[in-house]
């Protein structure tokens, strides 16, 4: 027992020494404070200029439709609004195509310099590509007007859900809801790889 007491006493004495010993701080890292940045030159804010339409009617920008409270989806007033947008858009595209054809016939000149001829041909090729794109869009508009006549406008061709007014205002020829269109684009990306 005496040995135990002495061992116990030694342990208590050692613990007192450890507790009583003052802790000396070792090297402490200095606190780093970021200096404030003073701008030398402030960049000017770039603001996009509004796009002005080609003609004074301004058909490139579609008029928004404000639905009334408790208004049903694709009612007569909404259908009438979209028919007007599609017909105006089709009329504008058709006039652009006619204007391009007459412009190309009028400005057909034979340049002596091969660089001038090449420039003219590339401009005409670009113009024809744009008109071909517009011709395809006119076909799509005709298909959309046909869907309106069949009471199929505003509903997804794949799942049958509502496409939504906001999407139709952004893209009046839309035939897919946003979910089906997203899945379609993902499939296209995967097939392209």
N, C-alpha and C. Protein backbone atom coordinates (compact mmCIF):
# COMPACT_ATOMS: atom_id res chain seq x y z
N UNK A 1 0.81 -1.17 0.00
CA UNK A 1 0.00 0.00 0.00
C UNK A 1 0.86 1.25 0.00
N UNK A 2 1.97 1.12 0.71
CA UNK A 2 2.86 2.25 0.79
C UNK A 2 3.42 2.60 -0.56
N UNK A 3 3.68 1.54 -1.34
CA UNK A 3 4.20 1.79 -2.68
C UNK A 3 3.14 2.48 -3.54
N UNK A 4 1.88 2.04 -3.39
CA UNK A 4 0.81 2.63 -4.17
C UNK A 4 0.63 4.09 -3.83
N UNK A 5 0.76 4.38 -2.53
CA UNK A 5 0.59 5.76 -2.10
C UNK A 5 1.70 6.62 -2.65
N UNK A 6 2.85 6.09 -2.64
CA UNK A 6 3.96 6.89 -3.14
C UNK A 6 3.85 7.09 -4.65
N UNK A 7 3.38 6.06 -5.38
CA UNK A 7 3.16 6.23 -6.82
C UNK A 7 2.03 7.23 -7.06
N UNK A 8 1.01 7.11 -6.24
CA UNK A 8 -0.12 8.02 -6.38
C UNK A 8 0.31 9.45 -6.07
N UNK A 9 1.12 9.58 -5.03
CA UNK A 9 1.61 10.90 -4.65
C UNK A 9 2.48 11.48 -5.74
N UNK A 10 3.29 10.63 -6.38
CA UNK A 10 4.16 11.09 -7.46
C UNK A 10 3.33 11.58 -8.65
N UNK A 11 2.26 10.87 -8.97
CA UNK A 11 1.41 11.25 -10.09
C UNK A 11 0.72 12.58 -9.82
N UNK A 12 0.27 12.78 -8.58
CA UNK A 12 -0.40 14.04 -8.21
C UNK A 12 0.60 15.18 -8.28
N UNK A 13 1.80 14.96 -7.79
CA UNK A 13 2.83 16.00 -7.83
C UNK A 13 3.18 16.37 -9.27
N UNK A 14 3.28 15.36 -10.13
CA UNK A 14 3.60 15.61 -11.54
C UNK A 14 2.49 16.41 -12.21
N UNK A 15 1.24 16.08 -11.87
CA UNK A 15 0.10 16.80 -12.44
C UNK A 15 0.09 18.25 -11.99
N UNK A 16 0.45 18.50 -10.74
CA UNK A 16 0.50 19.87 -10.23
C UNK A 16 1.55 20.68 -10.96
N UNK A 17 2.70 20.03 -11.25
CA UNK A 17 3.76 20.73 -11.95
C UNK A 17 3.32 21.13 -13.36
N UNK A 18 2.61 20.20 -14.03
CA UNK A 18 2.16 20.48 -15.39
C UNK A 18 1.15 21.60 -15.40
N UNK A 19 0.22 21.58 -14.46
CA UNK A 19 -0.81 22.61 -14.39
C UNK A 19 -0.20 23.94 -13.96
N UNK A 20 0.72 23.92 -13.07
CA UNK A 20 1.30 25.14 -12.54
C UNK A 20 2.29 25.76 -13.50
N UNK A 21 2.80 25.00 -14.44
CA UNK A 21 3.81 25.51 -15.37
C UNK A 21 3.14 26.50 -16.32
N UNK A 22 3.66 27.72 -16.42
CA UNK A 22 3.04 28.70 -17.33
C UNK A 22 3.30 28.32 -18.79
N UNK A 23 2.29 28.57 -19.61
CA UNK A 23 2.39 28.27 -21.03
C UNK A 23 3.03 29.46 -21.73
N UNK A 24 4.11 29.19 -22.40
CA UNK A 24 4.77 30.26 -23.14
C UNK A 24 4.30 30.17 -24.60
N UNK A 25 3.84 31.26 -25.12
CA UNK A 25 3.35 31.20 -26.50
C UNK A 25 4.50 31.01 -27.47
N UNK A 26 4.27 30.14 -28.43
CA UNK A 26 5.25 29.95 -29.47
C UNK A 26 5.01 31.02 -30.50
N UNK A 27 5.68 30.93 -31.60
CA UNK A 27 5.50 31.95 -32.63
C UNK A 27 4.08 31.88 -33.17
N UNK A 28 3.43 33.01 -33.16
CA UNK A 28 2.05 33.09 -33.64
C UNK A 28 2.08 33.81 -34.98
N UNK A 29 1.38 33.25 -35.93
CA UNK A 29 1.35 33.86 -37.26
C UNK A 29 0.63 35.20 -37.19
N UNK A 30 1.18 36.12 -37.95
CA UNK A 30 0.56 37.44 -37.99
C UNK A 30 -0.74 37.36 -38.78
N UNK A 31 -1.67 38.14 -38.38
CA UNK A 31 -2.96 38.18 -39.06
C UNK A 31 -2.79 39.00 -40.33
N UNK A 32 -3.17 38.40 -41.45
CA UNK A 32 -3.03 39.07 -42.73
C UNK A 32 -4.32 39.81 -43.04
N UNK A 33 -4.18 41.08 -43.30
CA UNK A 33 -5.33 41.91 -43.62
C UNK A 33 -5.17 42.40 -45.05
N UNK A 34 -6.20 42.19 -45.85
CA UNK A 34 -6.15 42.61 -47.25
C UNK A 34 -6.24 44.13 -47.34
N UNK A 35 -5.41 44.66 -48.21
CA UNK A 35 -5.45 46.10 -48.41
C UNK A 35 -6.60 46.44 -49.35
N UNK A 36 -7.29 47.52 -49.09
CA UNK A 36 -8.38 47.89 -50.00
C UNK A 36 -7.81 48.27 -51.37
N UNK A 37 -8.52 47.84 -52.40
CA UNK A 37 -8.08 48.13 -53.76
C UNK A 37 -8.67 49.46 -54.19
N UNK A 38 -7.80 50.32 -54.62
CA UNK A 38 -8.27 51.61 -55.11
C UNK A 38 -8.25 51.55 -56.63
N UNK A 39 -9.39 51.68 -57.23
CA UNK A 39 -9.42 51.58 -58.70
C UNK A 39 -8.75 52.79 -59.34
N UNK A 40 -7.85 52.51 -60.27
CA UNK A 40 -7.18 53.60 -60.98
C UNK A 40 -8.07 54.12 -62.08
N UNK A 41 -8.60 53.16 -62.86
CA UNK A 41 -9.51 53.54 -63.92
C UNK A 41 -10.78 52.72 -63.76
N UNK A 42 -11.87 53.38 -63.81
CA UNK A 42 -13.15 52.69 -63.70
C UNK A 42 -13.67 52.45 -65.11
N UNK A 43 -13.99 51.19 -65.39
CA UNK A 43 -14.50 50.86 -66.72
C UNK A 43 -15.91 51.41 -66.87
N UNK A 44 -16.18 51.90 -68.06
CA UNK A 44 -17.52 52.42 -68.33
C UNK A 44 -18.47 51.25 -68.51
N UNK A 45 -19.68 51.42 -68.03
CA UNK A 45 -20.69 50.39 -68.17
C UNK A 45 -21.18 50.37 -69.61
N UNK A 46 -21.14 49.20 -70.20
CA UNK A 46 -21.56 49.05 -71.58
C UNK A 46 -23.05 48.75 -71.58
N UNK A 47 -23.78 49.56 -72.27
CA UNK A 47 -25.22 49.39 -72.37
C UNK A 47 -25.56 49.10 -73.82
N UNK A 48 -26.29 48.02 -74.02
CA UNK A 48 -26.67 47.64 -75.37
C UNK A 48 -27.69 48.63 -75.93
N UNK A 49 -27.47 49.00 -77.16
CA UNK A 49 -28.41 49.91 -77.80
C UNK A 49 -29.61 49.12 -78.25
N UNK A 50 -30.79 49.69 -78.15
CA UNK A 50 -31.96 48.96 -78.62
C UNK A 50 -31.91 48.76 -80.13
N UNK A 51 -32.36 47.60 -80.56
CA UNK A 51 -32.35 47.29 -81.99
C UNK A 51 -33.57 47.95 -82.61
N UNK A 52 -33.30 48.74 -83.62
CA UNK A 52 -34.41 49.37 -84.31
C UNK A 52 -34.84 48.47 -85.45
N UNK A 53 -36.13 48.30 -85.62
CA UNK A 53 -36.61 47.43 -86.68
C UNK A 53 -36.32 48.01 -88.05
N UNK A 54 -36.35 47.13 -89.06
CA UNK A 54 -36.04 47.56 -90.42
C UNK A 54 -37.06 48.59 -90.93
N UNK A 55 -38.29 48.37 -90.59
CA UNK A 55 -39.31 49.31 -91.06
C UNK A 55 -39.99 49.96 -89.86
N UNK A 56 -40.83 50.92 -90.12
CA UNK A 56 -41.41 51.72 -89.05
C UNK A 56 -42.49 50.96 -88.28
N UNK A 57 -42.99 49.85 -88.83
CA UNK A 57 -44.05 49.11 -88.15
C UNK A 57 -43.52 48.40 -86.92
N UNK A 58 -42.26 48.00 -86.94
CA UNK A 58 -41.66 47.37 -85.78
C UNK A 58 -42.19 45.97 -85.52
N UNK A 59 -42.33 45.16 -86.53
CA UNK A 59 -42.88 43.83 -86.36
C UNK A 59 -41.88 42.84 -85.79
N UNK A 60 -40.61 43.16 -85.78
CA UNK A 60 -39.61 42.25 -85.23
C UNK A 60 -39.85 42.04 -83.74
N UNK A 61 -40.38 43.04 -83.07
CA UNK A 61 -40.68 42.93 -81.65
C UNK A 61 -42.18 42.66 -81.52
N UNK A 62 -42.51 41.50 -80.97
CA UNK A 62 -43.91 41.14 -80.84
C UNK A 62 -44.53 41.86 -79.66
N UNK A 63 -45.80 42.19 -79.84
CA UNK A 63 -46.53 42.82 -78.75
C UNK A 63 -46.84 41.76 -77.69
N UNK A 64 -46.71 42.14 -76.45
CA UNK A 64 -46.95 41.22 -75.35
C UNK A 64 -48.45 41.06 -75.13
N UNK A 65 -48.82 39.93 -74.61
CA UNK A 65 -50.22 39.67 -74.29
C UNK A 65 -50.36 39.63 -72.79
N UNK A 66 -51.26 40.42 -72.26
CA UNK A 66 -51.50 40.45 -70.82
C UNK A 66 -52.77 39.64 -70.53
N UNK A 67 -52.60 38.43 -69.98
CA UNK A 67 -53.80 37.64 -69.69
C UNK A 67 -54.60 38.24 -68.54
N UNK A 68 -55.90 38.12 -68.65
CA UNK A 68 -56.79 38.61 -67.59
C UNK A 68 -56.89 37.56 -66.50
N UNK A 69 -57.37 37.97 -65.34
CA UNK A 69 -57.51 37.05 -64.22
C UNK A 69 -58.52 35.96 -64.58
N UNK A 70 -58.20 34.73 -64.21
CA UNK A 70 -59.06 33.56 -64.45
C UNK A 70 -59.37 33.33 -65.93
N UNK A 71 -58.45 33.74 -66.79
CA UNK A 71 -58.63 33.55 -68.23
C UNK A 71 -58.14 32.16 -68.60
N UNK A 72 -58.92 31.45 -69.40
CA UNK A 72 -58.53 30.09 -69.78
C UNK A 72 -57.42 30.15 -70.82
N UNK A 73 -56.64 29.08 -70.87
CA UNK A 73 -55.51 28.99 -71.79
C UNK A 73 -56.02 28.79 -73.21
N UNK A 74 -55.43 29.52 -74.14
CA UNK A 74 -55.74 29.48 -75.57
C UNK A 74 -57.22 29.75 -75.84
N UNK A 75 -57.71 30.82 -75.23
CA UNK A 75 -59.08 31.25 -75.53
C UNK A 75 -59.09 32.06 -76.82
N UNK A 76 -60.24 32.58 -77.20
CA UNK A 76 -60.37 33.26 -78.49
C UNK A 76 -59.48 34.49 -78.60
N UNK A 77 -59.37 35.26 -77.53
CA UNK A 77 -58.55 36.49 -77.61
C UNK A 77 -57.06 36.15 -77.76
N UNK A 78 -56.61 35.10 -77.09
CA UNK A 78 -55.22 34.68 -77.22
C UNK A 78 -54.95 34.15 -78.63
N UNK A 79 -55.84 33.34 -79.14
CA UNK A 79 -55.69 32.81 -80.49
C UNK A 79 -55.65 33.96 -81.50
N UNK A 80 -56.54 34.92 -81.33
CA UNK A 80 -56.59 36.07 -82.24
C UNK A 80 -55.27 36.85 -82.18
N UNK A 81 -54.73 37.00 -80.98
CA UNK A 81 -53.46 37.72 -80.81
C UNK A 81 -52.33 37.01 -81.55
N UNK A 82 -52.24 35.70 -81.40
CA UNK A 82 -51.16 34.95 -82.05
C UNK A 82 -51.35 34.87 -83.56
N UNK A 83 -52.59 34.80 -84.03
CA UNK A 83 -52.83 34.81 -85.47
C UNK A 83 -52.35 36.12 -86.07
N UNK A 84 -52.62 37.22 -85.37
CA UNK A 84 -52.17 38.54 -85.86
C UNK A 84 -50.65 38.60 -85.90
N UNK A 85 -49.99 38.13 -84.83
CA UNK A 85 -48.52 38.13 -84.80
C UNK A 85 -47.96 37.31 -85.95
N UNK A 86 -48.47 36.12 -86.15
CA UNK A 86 -47.95 35.22 -87.18
C UNK A 86 -48.18 35.78 -88.58
N UNK A 87 -49.36 36.35 -88.82
CA UNK A 87 -49.64 36.91 -90.14
C UNK A 87 -48.76 38.13 -90.42
N UNK A 88 -48.58 38.99 -89.42
CA UNK A 88 -47.71 40.16 -89.60
C UNK A 88 -46.27 39.74 -89.86
N UNK A 89 -45.82 38.75 -89.13
CA UNK A 89 -44.46 38.25 -89.28
C UNK A 89 -44.27 37.64 -90.68
N UNK A 90 -45.24 36.89 -91.12
CA UNK A 90 -45.17 36.27 -92.45
C UNK A 90 -45.16 37.34 -93.54
N UNK A 91 -45.97 38.37 -93.38
CA UNK A 91 -46.02 39.46 -94.35
C UNK A 91 -44.68 40.19 -94.41
N UNK A 92 -44.08 40.43 -93.26
CA UNK A 92 -42.79 41.12 -93.23
C UNK A 92 -41.69 40.28 -93.89
N UNK A 93 -41.67 38.98 -93.60
CA UNK A 93 -40.68 38.11 -94.21
C UNK A 93 -40.86 38.03 -95.72
N UNK A 94 -42.08 37.97 -96.17
CA UNK A 94 -42.35 37.91 -97.62
C UNK A 94 -41.90 39.19 -98.32
N UNK A 95 -42.14 40.33 -97.69
CA UNK A 95 -41.70 41.59 -98.30
C UNK A 95 -40.17 41.69 -98.32
N UNK A 96 -39.52 41.16 -97.29
CA UNK A 96 -38.05 41.14 -97.28
C UNK A 96 -37.51 40.28 -98.42
N UNK A 97 -38.14 39.15 -98.66
CA UNK A 97 -37.70 38.27 -99.75
C UNK A 97 -37.88 38.96 -101.09
N UNK A 98 -39.03 39.60 -101.29
CA UNK A 98 -39.28 40.31 -102.55
C UNK A 98 -38.28 41.45 -102.74
N UNK A 99 -38.00 42.16 -101.66
CA UNK A 99 -37.06 43.27 -101.73
C UNK A 99 -35.65 42.77 -102.10
N UNK A 100 -35.26 41.64 -101.57
CA UNK A 100 -33.95 41.07 -101.87
C UNK A 100 -33.84 40.67 -103.33
N UNK A 101 -34.88 40.04 -103.86
CA UNK A 101 -34.85 39.62 -105.27
C UNK A 101 -34.71 40.84 -106.17
N UNK A 102 -35.49 41.87 -105.94
CA UNK A 102 -35.40 43.07 -106.78
C UNK A 102 -34.05 43.76 -106.60
N UNK A 103 -33.53 43.75 -105.37
CA UNK A 103 -32.23 44.36 -105.09
C UNK A 103 -31.11 43.63 -105.83
N UNK A 104 -31.16 42.30 -105.85
CA UNK A 104 -30.13 41.52 -106.52
C UNK A 104 -30.19 41.70 -108.04
N UNK A 105 -31.39 41.88 -108.57
CA UNK A 105 -31.52 42.10 -110.02
C UNK A 105 -31.03 43.49 -110.41
N UNK A 106 -31.31 44.47 -109.58
CA UNK A 106 -30.93 45.85 -109.89
C UNK A 106 -29.43 46.07 -109.75
N UNK A 107 -28.81 45.49 -108.78
CA UNK A 107 -27.41 45.76 -108.49
C UNK A 107 -26.45 44.76 -109.11
N UNK A 108 -26.89 44.02 -110.09
CA UNK A 108 -26.02 43.05 -110.75
C UNK A 108 -25.11 43.82 -111.70
N UNK A 109 -23.88 44.00 -111.27
CA UNK A 109 -22.89 44.69 -112.08
C UNK A 109 -21.67 43.80 -112.24
N UNK A 110 -21.01 43.96 -113.35
CA UNK A 110 -19.80 43.18 -113.61
C UNK A 110 -18.60 44.02 -113.24
N UNK A 111 -17.94 43.64 -112.18
CA UNK A 111 -16.75 44.35 -111.74
C UNK A 111 -15.53 43.80 -112.48
N UNK A 112 -14.61 44.68 -112.81
CA UNK A 112 -13.39 44.27 -113.50
C UNK A 112 -12.41 43.62 -112.51
N UNK A 113 -12.40 44.13 -111.30
CA UNK A 113 -11.48 43.61 -110.30
C UNK A 113 -12.01 42.28 -109.73
N UNK A 114 -11.20 41.23 -109.74
CA UNK A 114 -11.66 39.94 -109.21
C UNK A 114 -12.02 39.99 -107.72
N UNK A 115 -11.35 40.85 -106.97
CA UNK A 115 -11.67 40.97 -105.54
C UNK A 115 -13.05 41.57 -105.35
N UNK A 116 -13.41 42.56 -106.16
CA UNK A 116 -14.73 43.16 -106.07
C UNK A 116 -15.81 42.15 -106.45
N UNK A 117 -15.54 41.36 -107.48
CA UNK A 117 -16.51 40.33 -107.90
C UNK A 117 -16.68 39.28 -106.81
N UNK A 118 -15.58 38.87 -106.20
CA UNK A 118 -15.65 37.87 -105.13
C UNK A 118 -16.42 38.42 -103.93
N UNK A 119 -16.20 39.67 -103.61
CA UNK A 119 -16.91 40.30 -102.50
C UNK A 119 -18.41 40.37 -102.79
N UNK A 120 -18.75 40.74 -104.02
CA UNK A 120 -20.16 40.81 -104.41
C UNK A 120 -20.81 39.43 -104.36
N UNK A 121 -20.11 38.42 -104.83
CA UNK A 121 -20.66 37.06 -104.82
C UNK A 121 -20.84 36.53 -103.39
N UNK A 122 -19.89 36.83 -102.51
CA UNK A 122 -20.04 36.36 -101.13
C UNK A 122 -21.18 37.09 -100.43
N UNK A 123 -21.36 38.38 -100.73
CA UNK A 123 -22.49 39.12 -100.17
C UNK A 123 -23.81 38.54 -100.65
N UNK A 124 -23.87 38.21 -101.93
CA UNK A 124 -25.11 37.63 -102.48
C UNK A 124 -25.36 36.24 -101.90
N UNK A 125 -24.30 35.47 -101.72
CA UNK A 125 -24.46 34.13 -101.14
C UNK A 125 -24.99 34.22 -99.71
N UNK A 126 -24.47 35.16 -98.95
CA UNK A 126 -24.94 35.36 -97.59
C UNK A 126 -26.41 35.80 -97.58
N UNK A 127 -26.73 36.71 -98.48
CA UNK A 127 -28.11 37.20 -98.58
C UNK A 127 -29.06 36.07 -98.97
N UNK A 128 -28.64 35.24 -99.92
CA UNK A 128 -29.48 34.11 -100.33
C UNK A 128 -29.65 33.09 -99.20
N UNK A 129 -28.61 32.87 -98.43
CA UNK A 129 -28.72 31.95 -97.29
C UNK A 129 -29.71 32.47 -96.26
N UNK A 130 -29.66 33.79 -96.00
CA UNK A 130 -30.61 34.39 -95.07
C UNK A 130 -32.04 34.28 -95.60
N UNK A 131 -32.22 34.51 -96.88
CA UNK A 131 -33.56 34.43 -97.47
C UNK A 131 -34.08 33.00 -97.45
N UNK A 132 -33.18 32.02 -97.63
CA UNK A 132 -33.59 30.63 -97.57
C UNK A 132 -34.06 30.28 -96.16
N UNK A 133 -33.36 30.80 -95.16
CA UNK A 133 -33.76 30.60 -93.77
C UNK A 133 -35.14 31.21 -93.52
N UNK A 134 -35.36 32.40 -94.08
CA UNK A 134 -36.65 33.06 -93.92
C UNK A 134 -37.76 32.30 -94.65
N UNK A 135 -37.43 31.71 -95.80
CA UNK A 135 -38.41 30.91 -96.55
C UNK A 135 -38.84 29.71 -95.71
N UNK A 136 -37.88 29.07 -95.05
CA UNK A 136 -38.21 27.94 -94.18
C UNK A 136 -39.05 28.39 -92.99
N UNK A 137 -38.77 29.59 -92.49
CA UNK A 137 -39.55 30.13 -91.38
C UNK A 137 -40.98 30.41 -91.82
N UNK A 138 -41.16 30.87 -93.05
CA UNK A 138 -42.52 31.11 -93.56
C UNK A 138 -43.29 29.79 -93.62
N UNK A 139 -42.62 28.71 -94.02
CA UNK A 139 -43.28 27.39 -94.03
C UNK A 139 -43.68 26.99 -92.61
N UNK A 140 -42.82 27.28 -91.65
CA UNK A 140 -43.12 26.95 -90.26
C UNK A 140 -44.30 27.78 -89.76
N UNK A 141 -44.35 29.05 -90.17
CA UNK A 141 -45.47 29.91 -89.78
C UNK A 141 -46.77 29.37 -90.38
N UNK A 142 -46.71 28.93 -91.65
CA UNK A 142 -47.90 28.35 -92.28
C UNK A 142 -48.35 27.11 -91.52
N UNK A 143 -47.41 26.26 -91.10
CA UNK A 143 -47.76 25.08 -90.31
C UNK A 143 -48.38 25.46 -88.98
N UNK A 144 -47.88 26.52 -88.37
CA UNK A 144 -48.43 26.99 -87.10
C UNK A 144 -49.85 27.52 -87.29
N UNK A 145 -50.08 28.26 -88.37
CA UNK A 145 -51.43 28.75 -88.65
C UNK A 145 -52.38 27.59 -88.91
N UNK A 146 -51.88 26.54 -89.53
CA UNK A 146 -52.69 25.33 -89.74
C UNK A 146 -53.03 24.67 -88.40
N UNK A 147 -52.06 24.63 -87.49
CA UNK A 147 -52.32 24.09 -86.14
C UNK A 147 -53.37 24.91 -85.41
N UNK A 148 -53.34 26.23 -85.60
CA UNK A 148 -54.35 27.08 -84.97
C UNK A 148 -55.73 26.72 -85.52
N UNK A 149 -55.80 26.50 -86.83
CA UNK A 149 -57.08 26.12 -87.44
C UNK A 149 -57.59 24.78 -86.94
N UNK A 150 -56.68 23.87 -86.56
CA UNK A 150 -57.05 22.55 -86.06
C UNK A 150 -57.18 22.51 -84.54
N UNK A 151 -57.10 23.65 -83.88
CA UNK A 151 -57.17 23.76 -82.41
C UNK A 151 -56.07 22.95 -81.72
N UNK A 152 -54.89 22.90 -82.31
CA UNK A 152 -53.76 22.20 -81.72
C UNK A 152 -52.66 23.17 -81.28
N UNK A 153 -52.89 24.45 -81.46
CA UNK A 153 -51.85 25.45 -81.15
C UNK A 153 -51.78 25.66 -79.64
N UNK A 154 -50.55 25.76 -79.14
CA UNK A 154 -50.32 26.06 -77.73
C UNK A 154 -50.09 24.83 -76.88
N UNK A 155 -50.15 23.66 -77.50
CA UNK A 155 -49.95 22.42 -76.78
C UNK A 155 -48.78 21.66 -77.39
N UNK A 156 -47.99 21.01 -76.54
CA UNK A 156 -46.78 20.30 -76.96
C UNK A 156 -47.13 19.13 -77.87
N UNK A 157 -46.37 18.97 -78.94
CA UNK A 157 -46.59 17.86 -79.88
C UNK A 157 -46.18 16.52 -79.29
N UNK A 158 -45.30 16.52 -78.27
CA UNK A 158 -44.80 15.27 -77.71
C UNK A 158 -45.64 14.83 -76.51
N UNK A 159 -45.76 15.70 -75.52
CA UNK A 159 -46.43 15.30 -74.27
C UNK A 159 -47.86 15.81 -74.16
N UNK A 160 -48.24 16.78 -74.97
CA UNK A 160 -49.60 17.29 -74.94
C UNK A 160 -49.86 18.34 -73.87
N UNK A 161 -48.84 18.72 -73.13
CA UNK A 161 -48.98 19.75 -72.09
C UNK A 161 -49.02 21.14 -72.73
N UNK A 162 -49.45 22.12 -71.94
CA UNK A 162 -49.47 23.50 -72.41
C UNK A 162 -48.04 23.99 -72.61
N UNK A 163 -47.82 24.71 -73.71
CA UNK A 163 -46.49 25.28 -73.97
C UNK A 163 -46.28 26.50 -73.08
N UNK A 164 -47.28 27.29 -72.90
CA UNK A 164 -47.21 28.47 -72.04
C UNK A 164 -47.16 29.75 -72.84
N UNK A 165 -47.82 30.77 -72.33
CA UNK A 165 -47.90 32.05 -73.05
C UNK A 165 -46.55 32.72 -73.20
N UNK A 166 -45.72 32.68 -72.15
CA UNK A 166 -44.42 33.36 -72.23
C UNK A 166 -43.55 32.74 -73.32
N UNK A 167 -43.55 31.41 -73.41
CA UNK A 167 -42.76 30.75 -74.45
C UNK A 167 -43.31 31.06 -75.83
N UNK A 168 -44.63 31.08 -75.97
CA UNK A 168 -45.23 31.38 -77.26
C UNK A 168 -45.01 32.84 -77.66
N UNK A 169 -44.96 33.73 -76.69
CA UNK A 169 -44.66 35.13 -77.02
C UNK A 169 -43.21 35.28 -77.47
N UNK A 170 -42.32 34.48 -76.89
CA UNK A 170 -40.92 34.54 -77.30
C UNK A 170 -40.70 33.84 -78.63
N UNK A 171 -41.40 32.76 -78.86
CA UNK A 171 -41.26 31.97 -80.10
C UNK A 171 -42.65 31.51 -80.52
N UNK A 172 -43.36 32.31 -81.31
CA UNK A 172 -44.75 31.98 -81.67
C UNK A 172 -44.91 30.68 -82.45
N UNK A 173 -43.83 30.18 -83.06
CA UNK A 173 -43.93 28.94 -83.83
C UNK A 173 -43.52 27.72 -83.01
N UNK A 174 -43.39 27.86 -81.70
CA UNK A 174 -42.95 26.76 -80.85
C UNK A 174 -43.98 25.63 -80.89
N UNK A 175 -43.48 24.40 -81.01
CA UNK A 175 -44.35 23.23 -81.03
C UNK A 175 -44.08 22.30 -79.85
N UNK A 176 -43.02 22.57 -79.08
CA UNK A 176 -42.67 21.75 -77.94
C UNK A 176 -42.65 22.59 -76.67
N UNK A 177 -43.05 21.98 -75.55
CA UNK A 177 -42.93 22.67 -74.27
C UNK A 177 -41.45 22.76 -73.91
N UNK A 178 -41.13 23.52 -72.92
CA UNK A 178 -39.73 23.76 -72.59
C UNK A 178 -39.03 22.48 -72.14
N UNK A 179 -39.73 21.60 -71.43
CA UNK A 179 -39.12 20.35 -70.98
C UNK A 179 -38.78 19.44 -72.15
N UNK A 180 -39.73 19.26 -73.06
CA UNK A 180 -39.49 18.39 -74.23
C UNK A 180 -38.42 18.98 -75.14
N UNK A 181 -38.40 20.31 -75.28
CA UNK A 181 -37.38 20.95 -76.11
C UNK A 181 -35.99 20.77 -75.50
N UNK A 182 -35.90 20.87 -74.18
CA UNK A 182 -34.62 20.67 -73.51
C UNK A 182 -34.12 19.25 -73.72
N UNK A 183 -35.01 18.27 -73.57
CA UNK A 183 -34.63 16.87 -73.81
C UNK A 183 -34.21 16.65 -75.25
N UNK A 184 -34.91 17.29 -76.17
CA UNK A 184 -34.59 17.18 -77.59
C UNK A 184 -33.20 17.74 -77.88
N UNK A 185 -32.86 18.88 -77.27
CA UNK A 185 -31.54 19.48 -77.47
C UNK A 185 -30.44 18.62 -76.86
N UNK A 186 -30.73 17.99 -75.72
CA UNK A 186 -29.73 17.10 -75.11
C UNK A 186 -29.47 15.91 -76.02
N UNK A 187 -30.53 15.35 -76.60
CA UNK A 187 -30.36 14.23 -77.54
C UNK A 187 -29.55 14.65 -78.75
N UNK A 188 -29.81 15.86 -79.27
CA UNK A 188 -29.05 16.36 -80.42
C UNK A 188 -27.57 16.48 -80.09
N UNK A 189 -27.26 16.99 -78.89
CA UNK A 189 -25.86 17.12 -78.48
C UNK A 189 -25.19 15.76 -78.39
N UNK A 190 -25.91 14.78 -77.84
CA UNK A 190 -25.33 13.45 -77.68
C UNK A 190 -25.11 12.79 -79.05
N UNK A 191 -26.00 13.01 -79.98
CA UNK A 191 -25.87 12.41 -81.29
C UNK A 191 -24.73 13.07 -82.08
N UNK A 192 -24.46 14.33 -81.80
CA UNK A 192 -23.41 15.07 -82.52
C UNK A 192 -22.02 14.60 -82.10
N UNK A 193 -21.90 14.07 -80.90
CA UNK A 193 -20.57 13.66 -80.40
C UNK A 193 -20.16 12.37 -80.97
